């Protein structure tokens, strides 16, 4: 069995719940009602998740990027013990990264708060510290794997030395790429795609599958 060198985490519904990475800046920009309407359309199948995210991006027009870090912990609902897990993995020389379809600006804040080694996310355009309402590069499920491969290449890490932790359909390609996978707080369909599965409020519960 290969020694684990990297754990790759999804963000929405994996590390943070209820308030997703694109929803958080929408709330801070006073667009919670508009976000809810888009969410409703997506849930009814009127639009797909990608189209929904482009509409959500428009709600960020004029929002200051710096406010994400300033108010993140006041609004986000993270799982317990995220920092403890990152520190435990670091003690074993295991790197930790976040890859999300959500805004990379939110992923960066998560990385800074809890000490992750890297982050990837969709590139929401920011000019002079302010969101323009546009997405320059969108990270789909397939691009998540490409992001992981980029990090692995830079750090000389092989697929069998990686563990993926996620909850949704966009994580399935990452599950397939990595040597191990953990579905956390996910649906039965997603659990079938992972080697391990767990329902928990405490992220430390995943450590038994890693260390």
N, C-alpha and C. Protein backbone atom coordinates (compact mmCIF):
# COMPACT_ATOMS: atom_id res chain seq x y z
N UNK A 1 0.84 -1.20 0.00
CA UNK A 1 0.00 0.00 0.00
C UNK A 1 0.87 1.25 0.00
N UNK A 2 0.61 2.16 -0.94
CA UNK A 2 1.41 3.38 -1.06
C UNK A 2 1.19 4.29 0.14
N UNK A 3 2.25 4.99 0.54
CA UNK A 3 2.13 5.95 1.64
C UNK A 3 1.33 7.16 1.16
N UNK A 4 0.38 7.59 1.95
CA UNK A 4 -0.43 8.74 1.58
C UNK A 4 0.39 10.03 1.71
N UNK A 5 0.37 10.83 0.65
CA UNK A 5 1.10 12.10 0.65
C UNK A 5 0.18 13.32 0.51
N UNK A 6 -1.07 13.07 0.10
CA UNK A 6 -1.97 14.20 -0.16
C UNK A 6 -3.42 13.81 0.11
N UNK A 7 -4.16 14.71 0.78
CA UNK A 7 -5.60 14.58 0.91
C UNK A 7 -6.24 15.78 0.24
N UNK A 8 -7.12 15.49 -0.71
CA UNK A 8 -7.80 16.52 -1.50
C UNK A 8 -9.24 16.66 -1.01
N UNK A 9 -9.62 17.83 -0.56
CA UNK A 9 -10.95 18.08 -0.02
C UNK A 9 -11.81 18.90 -0.98
N UNK A 10 -13.05 18.49 -1.14
CA UNK A 10 -14.07 19.35 -1.72
C UNK A 10 -14.41 20.41 -0.67
N UNK A 11 -15.15 21.44 -1.05
CA UNK A 11 -15.48 22.51 -0.10
C UNK A 11 -16.95 22.48 0.31
N UNK A 12 -17.85 22.73 -0.64
CA UNK A 12 -19.27 22.85 -0.31
C UNK A 12 -19.87 21.51 0.12
N UNK A 13 -20.49 21.50 1.27
CA UNK A 13 -21.11 20.32 1.89
C UNK A 13 -20.10 19.26 2.31
N UNK A 14 -18.82 19.58 2.17
CA UNK A 14 -17.75 18.71 2.67
C UNK A 14 -17.08 19.38 3.87
N UNK A 15 -16.58 20.59 3.67
CA UNK A 15 -15.97 21.34 4.77
C UNK A 15 -16.94 22.37 5.35
N UNK A 16 -17.78 22.95 4.49
CA UNK A 16 -18.78 23.91 4.97
C UNK A 16 -20.16 23.45 4.51
N UNK A 17 -21.17 23.73 5.32
CA UNK A 17 -22.53 23.28 5.03
C UNK A 17 -23.50 24.44 4.95
N UNK A 18 -24.63 24.19 4.31
CA UNK A 18 -25.76 25.12 4.23
C UNK A 18 -25.43 26.38 3.42
N UNK A 19 -24.47 27.16 3.89
CA UNK A 19 -24.05 28.36 3.16
C UNK A 19 -22.87 27.99 2.27
N UNK A 20 -23.12 27.83 0.98
CA UNK A 20 -22.08 27.40 0.05
C UNK A 20 -21.13 28.54 -0.31
N UNK A 21 -20.04 28.19 -0.98
CA UNK A 21 -18.97 29.15 -1.24
C UNK A 21 -19.41 30.32 -2.12
N UNK A 22 -20.35 30.12 -3.03
CA UNK A 22 -20.82 31.24 -3.85
C UNK A 22 -22.00 31.94 -3.17
N UNK A 23 -22.69 31.22 -2.31
CA UNK A 23 -23.81 31.82 -1.58
C UNK A 23 -23.33 32.84 -0.56
N UNK A 24 -22.19 32.54 0.08
CA UNK A 24 -21.68 33.41 1.14
C UNK A 24 -21.44 34.85 0.65
N UNK A 25 -20.70 35.06 -0.46
CA UNK A 25 -20.53 36.45 -0.92
C UNK A 25 -21.83 37.07 -1.44
N UNK A 26 -22.77 36.24 -1.93
CA UNK A 26 -24.07 36.77 -2.34
C UNK A 26 -24.80 37.36 -1.14
N UNK A 27 -24.75 36.64 -0.02
CA UNK A 27 -25.37 37.13 1.22
C UNK A 27 -24.72 38.44 1.66
N UNK A 28 -23.39 38.45 1.64
CA UNK A 28 -22.66 39.65 2.07
C UNK A 28 -22.92 40.84 1.14
N UNK A 29 -23.30 40.53 -0.11
CA UNK A 29 -23.58 41.61 -1.08
C UNK A 29 -25.06 41.99 -1.07
N UNK A 30 -25.82 41.45 -0.11
CA UNK A 30 -27.23 41.80 0.00
C UNK A 30 -28.12 41.16 -1.04
N UNK A 31 -27.68 40.04 -1.60
CA UNK A 31 -28.42 39.39 -2.69
C UNK A 31 -28.92 38.00 -2.29
N UNK A 32 -29.24 37.81 -1.02
CA UNK A 32 -29.68 36.49 -0.56
C UNK A 32 -31.00 36.07 -1.21
N UNK A 33 -31.93 36.98 -1.36
CA UNK A 33 -33.24 36.67 -1.96
C UNK A 33 -33.06 36.24 -3.41
N UNK A 34 -32.23 36.99 -4.15
CA UNK A 34 -31.99 36.67 -5.56
C UNK A 34 -31.30 35.31 -5.69
N UNK A 35 -30.38 35.04 -4.78
CA UNK A 35 -29.70 33.75 -4.77
C UNK A 35 -30.69 32.62 -4.56
N UNK A 36 -31.64 32.83 -3.64
CA UNK A 36 -32.64 31.80 -3.34
C UNK A 36 -33.50 31.48 -4.56
N UNK A 37 -33.82 32.48 -5.35
CA UNK A 37 -34.62 32.27 -6.56
C UNK A 37 -33.86 31.42 -7.58
N UNK A 38 -32.57 31.69 -7.73
CA UNK A 38 -31.73 30.90 -8.63
C UNK A 38 -31.63 29.47 -8.13
N UNK A 39 -31.44 29.32 -6.82
CA UNK A 39 -31.36 28.00 -6.20
C UNK A 39 -32.64 27.20 -6.45
N UNK A 40 -33.75 27.88 -6.35
CA UNK A 40 -35.06 27.23 -6.57
C UNK A 40 -35.18 26.73 -8.01
N UNK A 41 -34.75 27.55 -8.96
CA UNK A 41 -34.78 27.16 -10.37
C UNK A 41 -33.90 25.93 -10.62
N UNK A 42 -32.73 25.92 -9.98
CA UNK A 42 -31.81 24.79 -10.14
C UNK A 42 -32.43 23.52 -9.56
N UNK A 43 -33.01 23.62 -8.38
CA UNK A 43 -33.59 22.45 -7.73
C UNK A 43 -34.78 21.89 -8.50
N UNK A 44 -35.50 22.76 -9.22
CA UNK A 44 -36.64 22.32 -10.02
C UNK A 44 -36.20 21.76 -11.37
N UNK A 45 -34.91 21.90 -11.69
CA UNK A 45 -34.42 21.41 -12.96
C UNK A 45 -34.63 22.35 -14.13
N UNK A 46 -35.01 23.59 -13.82
CA UNK A 46 -35.21 24.58 -14.88
C UNK A 46 -33.87 24.97 -15.50
N UNK A 47 -32.84 25.06 -14.67
CA UNK A 47 -31.47 25.34 -15.13
C UNK A 47 -30.51 24.37 -14.47
N UNK A 48 -29.36 24.11 -15.12
CA UNK A 48 -28.38 23.21 -14.51
C UNK A 48 -27.47 23.99 -13.56
N UNK A 49 -26.62 23.25 -12.83
CA UNK A 49 -25.82 23.90 -11.79
C UNK A 49 -24.80 24.89 -12.37
N UNK A 50 -24.34 24.62 -13.59
CA UNK A 50 -23.36 25.52 -14.20
C UNK A 50 -24.02 26.85 -14.58
N UNK A 51 -25.17 26.78 -15.24
CA UNK A 51 -25.91 28.00 -15.59
C UNK A 51 -26.28 28.78 -14.33
N UNK A 52 -26.65 28.04 -13.28
CA UNK A 52 -27.01 28.68 -12.01
C UNK A 52 -25.82 29.44 -11.44
N UNK A 53 -24.63 28.85 -11.52
CA UNK A 53 -23.45 29.52 -10.97
C UNK A 53 -23.10 30.79 -11.75
N UNK A 54 -23.30 30.79 -13.05
CA UNK A 54 -23.05 32.01 -13.83
C UNK A 54 -24.05 33.11 -13.44
N UNK A 55 -25.27 32.72 -13.14
CA UNK A 55 -26.26 33.70 -12.67
C UNK A 55 -25.91 34.20 -11.28
N UNK A 56 -25.43 33.30 -10.43
CA UNK A 56 -25.00 33.70 -9.08
C UNK A 56 -23.84 34.68 -9.15
N UNK A 57 -22.93 34.43 -10.08
CA UNK A 57 -21.76 35.31 -10.24
C UNK A 57 -22.19 36.75 -10.51
N UNK A 58 -23.27 36.91 -11.28
CA UNK A 58 -23.76 38.25 -11.59
C UNK A 58 -24.22 38.99 -10.33
N UNK A 59 -24.62 38.23 -9.33
CA UNK A 59 -25.08 38.85 -8.07
C UNK A 59 -23.92 39.44 -7.27
N UNK A 60 -22.69 39.09 -7.65
CA UNK A 60 -21.51 39.59 -6.92
C UNK A 60 -21.00 40.92 -7.47
N UNK A 61 -21.62 41.42 -8.51
CA UNK A 61 -21.19 42.68 -9.11
C UNK A 61 -21.07 43.78 -8.05
N UNK A 62 -19.87 44.38 -7.97
CA UNK A 62 -19.63 45.47 -7.04
C UNK A 62 -19.22 45.05 -5.64
N UNK A 63 -19.16 43.75 -5.39
CA UNK A 63 -18.81 43.26 -4.05
C UNK A 63 -17.30 43.29 -3.84
N UNK A 64 -16.86 43.75 -2.67
CA UNK A 64 -15.43 43.83 -2.36
C UNK A 64 -14.90 42.48 -1.90
N UNK A 65 -13.87 41.99 -2.57
CA UNK A 65 -13.30 40.67 -2.27
C UNK A 65 -12.83 40.57 -0.82
N UNK A 66 -12.28 41.64 -0.26
CA UNK A 66 -11.72 41.62 1.10
C UNK A 66 -12.76 41.26 2.16
N UNK A 67 -14.03 41.49 1.88
CA UNK A 67 -15.08 41.22 2.87
C UNK A 67 -15.30 39.72 3.09
N UNK A 68 -14.84 38.88 2.15
CA UNK A 68 -14.99 37.43 2.33
C UNK A 68 -14.21 36.98 3.56
N UNK A 69 -12.94 37.36 3.62
CA UNK A 69 -12.11 36.99 4.77
C UNK A 69 -12.60 37.66 6.05
N UNK A 70 -13.08 38.88 5.91
CA UNK A 70 -13.52 39.65 7.07
C UNK A 70 -14.72 39.02 7.77
N UNK A 71 -15.65 38.47 6.98
CA UNK A 71 -16.91 38.00 7.57
C UNK A 71 -17.15 36.49 7.41
N UNK A 72 -16.19 35.77 6.84
CA UNK A 72 -16.38 34.35 6.53
C UNK A 72 -16.87 33.55 7.74
N UNK A 73 -16.17 33.64 8.85
CA UNK A 73 -16.50 32.81 10.01
C UNK A 73 -17.80 33.24 10.70
N UNK A 74 -18.30 34.43 10.38
CA UNK A 74 -19.58 34.87 10.94
C UNK A 74 -20.76 34.22 10.22
N UNK A 75 -20.54 33.81 8.97
CA UNK A 75 -21.64 33.30 8.14
C UNK A 75 -21.51 31.82 7.82
N UNK A 76 -20.28 31.37 7.56
CA UNK A 76 -20.05 29.98 7.16
C UNK A 76 -20.40 29.02 8.30
N UNK A 77 -20.78 27.81 7.92
CA UNK A 77 -21.10 26.77 8.91
C UNK A 77 -20.17 25.56 8.67
N UNK A 78 -18.93 25.68 9.14
CA UNK A 78 -17.96 24.61 8.90
C UNK A 78 -18.17 23.38 9.78
N UNK A 79 -17.70 22.24 9.30
CA UNK A 79 -17.64 21.06 10.15
C UNK A 79 -16.67 21.35 11.30
N UNK A 80 -16.82 20.63 12.37
CA UNK A 80 -15.94 20.82 13.53
C UNK A 80 -14.56 20.21 13.28
N UNK A 81 -13.56 20.83 13.86
CA UNK A 81 -12.20 20.29 13.92
C UNK A 81 -11.45 20.27 12.58
N UNK A 82 -11.75 21.18 11.69
CA UNK A 82 -11.03 21.22 10.41
C UNK A 82 -9.55 21.46 10.63
N UNK A 83 -9.23 22.46 11.46
CA UNK A 83 -7.83 22.78 11.70
C UNK A 83 -7.09 21.62 12.36
N UNK A 84 -7.76 20.93 13.27
CA UNK A 84 -7.14 19.77 13.94
C UNK A 84 -6.78 18.68 12.94
N UNK A 85 -7.64 18.47 11.96
CA UNK A 85 -7.38 17.45 10.94
C UNK A 85 -6.19 17.84 10.07
N UNK A 86 -6.17 19.10 9.64
CA UNK A 86 -5.05 19.57 8.82
C UNK A 86 -3.74 19.43 9.59
N UNK A 87 -3.75 19.81 10.86
CA UNK A 87 -2.53 19.71 11.67
C UNK A 87 -2.11 18.26 11.87
N UNK A 88 -3.08 17.36 12.08
CA UNK A 88 -2.76 15.93 12.25
C UNK A 88 -2.14 15.35 10.99
N UNK A 89 -2.65 15.75 9.84
CA UNK A 89 -2.12 15.27 8.57
C UNK A 89 -0.73 15.84 8.31
N UNK A 90 -0.55 17.10 8.64
CA UNK A 90 0.76 17.73 8.45
C UNK A 90 1.84 17.05 9.31
N UNK A 91 1.45 16.60 10.50
CA UNK A 91 2.41 15.90 11.37
C UNK A 91 2.91 14.61 10.74
N UNK A 92 2.10 14.06 9.82
CA UNK A 92 2.49 12.84 9.11
C UNK A 92 3.05 13.15 7.71
N UNK A 93 3.39 14.43 7.51
CA UNK A 93 3.94 14.91 6.23
C UNK A 93 2.97 14.70 5.07
N UNK A 94 1.67 14.82 5.37
CA UNK A 94 0.63 14.70 4.34
C UNK A 94 0.10 16.10 4.03
N UNK A 95 0.15 16.46 2.76
CA UNK A 95 -0.35 17.77 2.34
C UNK A 95 -1.87 17.74 2.21
N UNK A 96 -2.50 18.92 2.32
CA UNK A 96 -3.95 19.04 2.23
C UNK A 96 -4.30 20.19 1.29
N UNK A 97 -5.20 19.93 0.35
CA UNK A 97 -5.63 20.99 -0.57
C UNK A 97 -7.15 21.01 -0.68
N UNK A 98 -7.67 22.12 -1.16
CA UNK A 98 -9.11 22.29 -1.39
C UNK A 98 -9.33 22.52 -2.88
N UNK A 99 -10.26 21.76 -3.47
CA UNK A 99 -10.65 21.97 -4.87
C UNK A 99 -12.16 22.09 -4.94
N UNK A 100 -12.66 23.20 -5.45
CA UNK A 100 -14.09 23.46 -5.49
C UNK A 100 -14.52 24.02 -6.83
N UNK A 101 -15.79 23.81 -7.18
CA UNK A 101 -16.34 24.47 -8.36
C UNK A 101 -16.70 25.91 -8.01
N UNK A 102 -16.73 26.22 -6.73
CA UNK A 102 -17.06 27.56 -6.27
C UNK A 102 -15.93 28.54 -6.49
N UNK A 103 -16.11 29.79 -6.06
CA UNK A 103 -15.10 30.83 -6.30
C UNK A 103 -13.76 30.52 -5.64
N UNK A 104 -12.69 30.70 -6.38
CA UNK A 104 -11.36 30.48 -5.81
C UNK A 104 -11.07 31.49 -4.69
N UNK A 105 -11.74 32.63 -4.75
CA UNK A 105 -11.53 33.66 -3.71
C UNK A 105 -12.00 33.15 -2.34
N UNK A 106 -13.07 32.35 -2.32
CA UNK A 106 -13.55 31.77 -1.07
C UNK A 106 -12.63 30.61 -0.65
N UNK A 107 -12.21 29.82 -1.63
CA UNK A 107 -11.28 28.71 -1.35
C UNK A 107 -9.99 29.22 -0.73
N UNK A 108 -9.52 30.38 -1.17
CA UNK A 108 -8.30 30.97 -0.62
C UNK A 108 -8.48 31.32 0.85
N UNK A 109 -9.63 31.87 1.19
CA UNK A 109 -9.90 32.22 2.58
C UNK A 109 -9.92 30.97 3.45
N UNK A 110 -10.55 29.91 2.96
CA UNK A 110 -10.58 28.63 3.67
C UNK A 110 -9.16 28.11 3.88
N UNK A 111 -8.36 28.21 2.85
CA UNK A 111 -6.96 27.79 2.89
C UNK A 111 -6.19 28.57 3.96
N UNK A 112 -6.39 29.86 4.01
CA UNK A 112 -5.69 30.73 4.96
C UNK A 112 -6.13 30.48 6.41
N UNK A 113 -7.43 30.29 6.61
CA UNK A 113 -7.96 30.11 7.97
C UNK A 113 -7.50 28.81 8.59
N UNK A 114 -7.57 27.72 7.81
CA UNK A 114 -7.33 26.40 8.39
C UNK A 114 -5.99 25.77 8.01
N UNK A 115 -5.17 26.48 7.24
CA UNK A 115 -3.82 26.03 7.00
C UNK A 115 -3.63 24.99 5.90
N UNK A 116 -4.52 24.98 4.92
CA UNK A 116 -4.33 24.07 3.79
C UNK A 116 -3.12 24.48 2.96
N UNK A 117 -2.59 23.52 2.21
CA UNK A 117 -1.36 23.76 1.43
C UNK A 117 -1.62 24.33 0.04
N UNK A 118 -2.87 24.34 -0.38
CA UNK A 118 -3.18 24.88 -1.69
C UNK A 118 -4.68 24.88 -1.91
N UNK A 119 -5.11 25.59 -2.95
CA UNK A 119 -6.54 25.68 -3.24
C UNK A 119 -6.75 25.89 -4.74
N UNK A 120 -7.88 25.42 -5.23
CA UNK A 120 -8.28 25.62 -6.61
C UNK A 120 -9.79 25.89 -6.62
N UNK A 121 -10.22 26.75 -7.52
CA UNK A 121 -11.64 27.04 -7.66
C UNK A 121 -11.90 27.80 -8.94
N UNK A 122 -13.15 28.03 -9.23
CA UNK A 122 -13.51 28.80 -10.42
C UNK A 122 -13.01 30.24 -10.28
N UNK A 123 -12.53 30.79 -11.38
CA UNK A 123 -11.93 32.13 -11.37
C UNK A 123 -12.99 33.19 -11.62
N UNK A 124 -13.56 33.70 -10.53
CA UNK A 124 -14.52 34.80 -10.62
C UNK A 124 -13.72 36.09 -10.79
N UNK A 125 -14.06 36.86 -11.79
CA UNK A 125 -13.25 38.05 -12.10
C UNK A 125 -13.34 39.10 -11.00
N UNK A 126 -12.17 39.59 -10.60
CA UNK A 126 -12.05 40.68 -9.63
C UNK A 126 -11.14 41.73 -10.23
N UNK A 127 -11.60 42.96 -10.29
CA UNK A 127 -10.81 44.08 -10.80
C UNK A 127 -10.70 45.15 -9.72
N UNK A 128 -9.46 45.45 -9.35
CA UNK A 128 -9.18 46.43 -8.30
C UNK A 128 -9.94 46.09 -7.01
N UNK A 129 -9.93 44.79 -6.68
CA UNK A 129 -10.51 44.34 -5.42
C UNK A 129 -12.02 44.18 -5.41
N UNK A 130 -12.65 44.32 -6.58
CA UNK A 130 -14.11 44.28 -6.65
C UNK A 130 -14.55 43.25 -7.71
N UNK A 131 -15.55 42.44 -7.37
CA UNK A 131 -16.09 41.46 -8.31
C UNK A 131 -16.83 42.16 -9.45
N UNK A 132 -16.64 41.63 -10.66
CA UNK A 132 -17.29 42.22 -11.83
C UNK A 132 -18.59 41.53 -12.21
N UNK A 133 -18.86 40.37 -11.59
CA UNK A 133 -20.06 39.61 -11.94
C UNK A 133 -19.81 38.58 -13.03
N UNK A 134 -18.54 38.42 -13.44
CA UNK A 134 -18.21 37.48 -14.50
C UNK A 134 -17.35 36.33 -13.96
N UNK A 135 -17.39 35.20 -14.65
CA UNK A 135 -16.51 34.07 -14.36
C UNK A 135 -15.55 33.91 -15.52
N UNK A 136 -14.26 33.99 -15.25
CA UNK A 136 -13.26 33.89 -16.31
C UNK A 136 -12.98 32.43 -16.67
N UNK A 137 -12.96 31.56 -15.67
CA UNK A 137 -12.70 30.14 -15.90
C UNK A 137 -13.50 29.33 -14.89
N UNK A 138 -14.37 28.46 -15.41
CA UNK A 138 -15.23 27.67 -14.54
C UNK A 138 -14.66 26.27 -14.35
N UNK A 139 -14.61 25.82 -13.09
CA UNK A 139 -14.09 24.49 -12.77
C UNK A 139 -15.25 23.50 -12.70
N UNK A 140 -15.32 22.61 -13.69
CA UNK A 140 -16.32 21.55 -13.68
C UNK A 140 -15.69 20.30 -13.04
N UNK A 141 -16.47 19.21 -13.02
CA UNK A 141 -15.98 17.97 -12.41
C UNK A 141 -14.66 17.52 -13.03
N UNK A 142 -14.58 17.56 -14.37
CA UNK A 142 -13.37 17.10 -15.06
C UNK A 142 -12.17 17.99 -14.75
N UNK A 143 -12.42 19.29 -14.60
CA UNK A 143 -11.33 20.21 -14.29
C UNK A 143 -10.81 20.03 -12.86
N UNK A 144 -11.66 19.49 -11.98
CA UNK A 144 -11.20 19.20 -10.62
C UNK A 144 -10.02 18.23 -10.67
N UNK A 145 -10.14 17.22 -11.53
CA UNK A 145 -9.05 16.24 -11.67
C UNK A 145 -7.81 16.92 -12.23
N UNK A 146 -8.00 17.80 -13.20
CA UNK A 146 -6.86 18.52 -13.80
C UNK A 146 -6.14 19.36 -12.75
N UNK A 147 -6.90 19.99 -11.86
CA UNK A 147 -6.30 20.79 -10.79
C UNK A 147 -5.48 19.89 -9.86
N UNK A 148 -6.05 18.74 -9.52
CA UNK A 148 -5.34 17.80 -8.66
C UNK A 148 -4.06 17.30 -9.33
N UNK A 149 -4.15 16.99 -10.60
CA UNK A 149 -2.98 16.52 -11.34
C UNK A 149 -1.88 17.58 -11.37
N UNK A 150 -2.28 18.84 -11.50
CA UNK A 150 -1.30 19.94 -11.51
C UNK A 150 -0.55 20.00 -10.19
N UNK A 151 -1.30 19.93 -9.09
CA UNK A 151 -0.66 19.97 -7.77
C UNK A 151 0.25 18.77 -7.57
N UNK A 152 -0.21 17.60 -8.00
CA UNK A 152 0.57 16.36 -7.84
C UNK A 152 1.87 16.42 -8.65
N UNK A 153 1.78 16.98 -9.83
CA UNK A 153 2.97 17.07 -10.69
C UNK A 153 4.02 17.98 -10.04
N UNK A 154 3.58 19.10 -9.52
CA UNK A 154 4.48 20.06 -8.88
C UNK A 154 5.16 19.44 -7.65
N UNK A 155 4.39 18.61 -6.92
CA UNK A 155 4.86 18.06 -5.65
C UNK A 155 5.31 16.61 -5.74
N UNK A 156 5.41 16.08 -6.97
CA UNK A 156 5.89 14.71 -7.19
C UNK A 156 5.07 13.68 -6.40
N UNK A 157 3.76 13.75 -6.57
CA UNK A 157 2.83 12.84 -5.89
C UNK A 157 2.08 12.01 -6.92
N UNK A 158 2.00 10.71 -6.69
CA UNK A 158 1.30 9.81 -7.60
C UNK A 158 -0.16 9.64 -7.20
N UNK A 159 -1.05 9.25 -8.13
CA UNK A 159 -2.47 9.09 -7.81
C UNK A 159 -2.74 8.16 -6.63
N UNK A 160 -1.98 7.05 -6.55
CA UNK A 160 -2.20 6.09 -5.47
C UNK A 160 -1.77 6.62 -4.11
N UNK A 161 -1.09 7.77 -4.11
CA UNK A 161 -0.67 8.40 -2.86
C UNK A 161 -1.64 9.49 -2.41
N UNK A 162 -2.80 9.58 -3.10
CA UNK A 162 -3.80 10.61 -2.82
C UNK A 162 -5.08 10.01 -2.24
N UNK A 163 -5.73 10.78 -1.39
CA UNK A 163 -7.07 10.46 -0.89
C UNK A 163 -7.98 11.64 -1.20
N UNK A 164 -9.15 11.35 -1.76
CA UNK A 164 -10.14 12.39 -2.04
C UNK A 164 -11.25 12.34 -1.00
N UNK A 165 -11.67 13.51 -0.52
CA UNK A 165 -12.78 13.62 0.43
C UNK A 165 -13.82 14.56 -0.17
N UNK A 166 -15.03 14.04 -0.37
CA UNK A 166 -16.06 14.87 -1.00
C UNK A 166 -17.45 14.33 -0.76
N UNK A 167 -18.44 15.03 -1.31
CA UNK A 167 -19.83 14.65 -1.03
C UNK A 167 -20.73 14.58 -2.27
N UNK A 168 -20.27 15.15 -3.40
CA UNK A 168 -21.19 15.31 -4.52
C UNK A 168 -20.74 14.71 -5.83
N UNK A 169 -21.56 14.89 -6.85
CA UNK A 169 -21.30 14.30 -8.16
C UNK A 169 -20.02 14.82 -8.80
N UNK A 170 -19.68 16.08 -8.52
CA UNK A 170 -18.46 16.63 -9.11
C UNK A 170 -17.19 16.04 -8.49
N UNK A 171 -17.37 15.30 -7.39
CA UNK A 171 -16.22 14.66 -6.74
C UNK A 171 -15.94 13.25 -7.28
N UNK A 172 -16.88 12.68 -8.00
CA UNK A 172 -16.72 11.31 -8.47
C UNK A 172 -15.48 11.11 -9.35
N UNK A 173 -15.21 12.01 -10.33
CA UNK A 173 -13.98 11.85 -11.11
C UNK A 173 -12.72 11.90 -10.25
N UNK A 174 -12.75 12.71 -9.18
CA UNK A 174 -11.60 12.81 -8.28
C UNK A 174 -11.47 11.51 -7.47
N UNK A 175 -12.62 10.95 -7.05
CA UNK A 175 -12.62 9.66 -6.36
C UNK A 175 -11.93 8.60 -7.22
N UNK A 176 -12.28 8.60 -8.49
CA UNK A 176 -11.74 7.58 -9.41
C UNK A 176 -10.24 7.76 -9.64
N UNK A 177 -9.78 9.00 -9.60
CA UNK A 177 -8.36 9.28 -9.85
C UNK A 177 -7.48 8.87 -8.67
N UNK A 178 -7.99 9.08 -7.46
CA UNK A 178 -7.17 8.86 -6.26
C UNK A 178 -7.12 7.39 -5.83
N UNK A 179 -6.07 7.06 -5.10
CA UNK A 179 -5.92 5.70 -4.59
C UNK A 179 -7.00 5.33 -3.60
N UNK A 180 -7.44 6.30 -2.78
CA UNK A 180 -8.53 6.10 -1.84
C UNK A 180 -9.52 7.26 -1.95
N UNK A 181 -10.75 7.01 -1.49
CA UNK A 181 -11.77 8.07 -1.51
C UNK A 181 -12.70 7.91 -0.33
N UNK A 182 -13.13 9.06 0.20
CA UNK A 182 -14.03 9.08 1.35
C UNK A 182 -15.22 9.97 1.02
N UNK A 183 -16.41 9.38 0.97
CA UNK A 183 -17.64 10.16 0.80
C UNK A 183 -18.12 10.59 2.18
N UNK A 184 -18.29 11.89 2.35
CA UNK A 184 -18.67 12.40 3.67
C UNK A 184 -20.02 13.10 3.58
N UNK A 185 -20.96 12.69 4.44
CA UNK A 185 -22.31 13.28 4.48
C UNK A 185 -22.93 13.35 3.09
N UNK A 186 -22.86 12.26 2.37
CA UNK A 186 -23.30 12.24 0.97
C UNK A 186 -24.50 11.33 0.76
N UNK A 187 -25.01 11.35 -0.46
CA UNK A 187 -26.16 10.53 -0.83
C UNK A 187 -25.70 9.09 -1.09
N UNK A 188 -26.63 8.14 -1.08
CA UNK A 188 -26.27 6.73 -1.38
C UNK A 188 -25.57 6.57 -2.73
N UNK A 189 -25.97 7.35 -3.72
CA UNK A 189 -25.35 7.27 -5.04
C UNK A 189 -23.87 7.63 -4.99
N UNK A 190 -23.55 8.67 -4.26
CA UNK A 190 -22.16 9.12 -4.16
C UNK A 190 -21.35 8.13 -3.33
N UNK A 191 -21.96 7.59 -2.29
CA UNK A 191 -21.27 6.61 -1.44
C UNK A 191 -20.79 5.41 -2.26
N UNK A 192 -21.58 5.02 -3.23
CA UNK A 192 -21.22 3.86 -4.06
C UNK A 192 -19.96 4.11 -4.89
N UNK A 193 -19.65 5.37 -5.12
CA UNK A 193 -18.47 5.72 -5.93
C UNK A 193 -17.21 5.85 -5.09
N UNK A 194 -17.35 5.82 -3.77
CA UNK A 194 -16.20 5.98 -2.87
C UNK A 194 -15.84 4.66 -2.20
N UNK A 195 -14.60 4.55 -1.78
CA UNK A 195 -14.16 3.35 -1.06
C UNK A 195 -14.71 3.34 0.36
N UNK A 196 -14.70 4.50 1.01
CA UNK A 196 -15.23 4.64 2.36
C UNK A 196 -16.34 5.69 2.37
N UNK A 197 -17.22 5.61 3.36
CA UNK A 197 -18.24 6.65 3.52
C UNK A 197 -18.51 6.85 5.00
N UNK A 198 -18.88 8.09 5.34
CA UNK A 198 -19.10 8.44 6.74
C UNK A 198 -20.06 9.61 6.82
N UNK A 199 -20.91 9.62 7.83
CA UNK A 199 -21.77 10.75 8.14
C UNK A 199 -21.33 11.30 9.50
N UNK A 200 -20.96 12.56 9.53
CA UNK A 200 -20.41 13.12 10.77
C UNK A 200 -20.41 14.64 10.75
N UNK A 201 -20.40 15.24 11.94
CA UNK A 201 -20.22 16.68 12.09
C UNK A 201 -18.78 17.02 12.44
N UNK A 202 -17.98 15.98 12.73
CA UNK A 202 -16.60 16.16 13.17
C UNK A 202 -15.64 15.63 12.10
N UNK A 203 -14.88 16.50 11.50
CA UNK A 203 -14.00 16.07 10.42
C UNK A 203 -12.95 15.08 10.90
N UNK A 204 -12.63 15.12 12.18
CA UNK A 204 -11.63 14.19 12.72
C UNK A 204 -12.02 12.72 12.50
N UNK A 205 -13.29 12.45 12.26
CA UNK A 205 -13.74 11.07 12.06
C UNK A 205 -13.19 10.45 10.77
N UNK A 206 -12.68 11.26 9.86
CA UNK A 206 -12.12 10.70 8.62
C UNK A 206 -10.70 10.17 8.84
N UNK A 207 -10.07 10.58 9.93
CA UNK A 207 -8.65 10.23 10.13
C UNK A 207 -8.42 8.74 10.23
N UNK A 208 -9.42 8.00 10.71
CA UNK A 208 -9.25 6.54 10.84
C UNK A 208 -9.09 5.87 9.49
N UNK A 209 -9.52 6.54 8.42
CA UNK A 209 -9.37 5.98 7.08
C UNK A 209 -8.07 6.44 6.40
N UNK A 210 -7.37 7.35 7.05
CA UNK A 210 -6.17 7.94 6.43
C UNK A 210 -4.88 7.55 7.17
N UNK A 211 -4.90 7.68 8.50
CA UNK A 211 -3.67 7.47 9.28
C UNK A 211 -3.57 6.03 9.78
